[in-house]
C-alpha cells in the first residue's frame, strides 16, 4: 500500500506503543518501513487523541469476534497468519498499554479529513474509506 500512497503524494505515518528498539523489531517482523513508524513509549499521542483503552474495550465487546470472523470471511487472514506464526510475548513499557486500542487519522495539512477510533481489538477502520479521504483511488 505504501507505494500507492507515495505515488499519490500521501505520507504514511504510524505511531505505536513501546520503545524505538521495539518499533525496529516490529518493522522487521512484519515488513513495515522503519522510517514510517514512531515509538510512543509514554502514550503521549494515544492519550492526546483519547483513544479507547481498558479491559472492556479489549476483549469483551461483540465487535472483537465479529471483526475476526469478517476478516476470515473476506479471506484476509494470510497476513494475520504470517504475523502470528512469528509472534512473541511482549510486555509494553506501561502495563496498561497492553489494553490500548488504536485508530486511524488522515490529515490534509492540519485539517482532519478522516478519523476512526478502534472500538475494540480487531475492529479497524475500512481502509478504502481512509484512502478515499485522502484522494487515493481504491485498488481493484
Foldseek 3Di string as FASTA:
>chain_A
DVVLCVVVVHQAAEEDAADLVVLVVVCVLQVPDSVRYHYDPPCPVVVVVVADFDPCQEPVDPVAVVLVVVCVVVVNCPSVVSSVVPDDDDQGNDNRSVRTWDKDWGDDVPHTQDIGHRSYPNRYDDVCVVCVSVPGHDDD
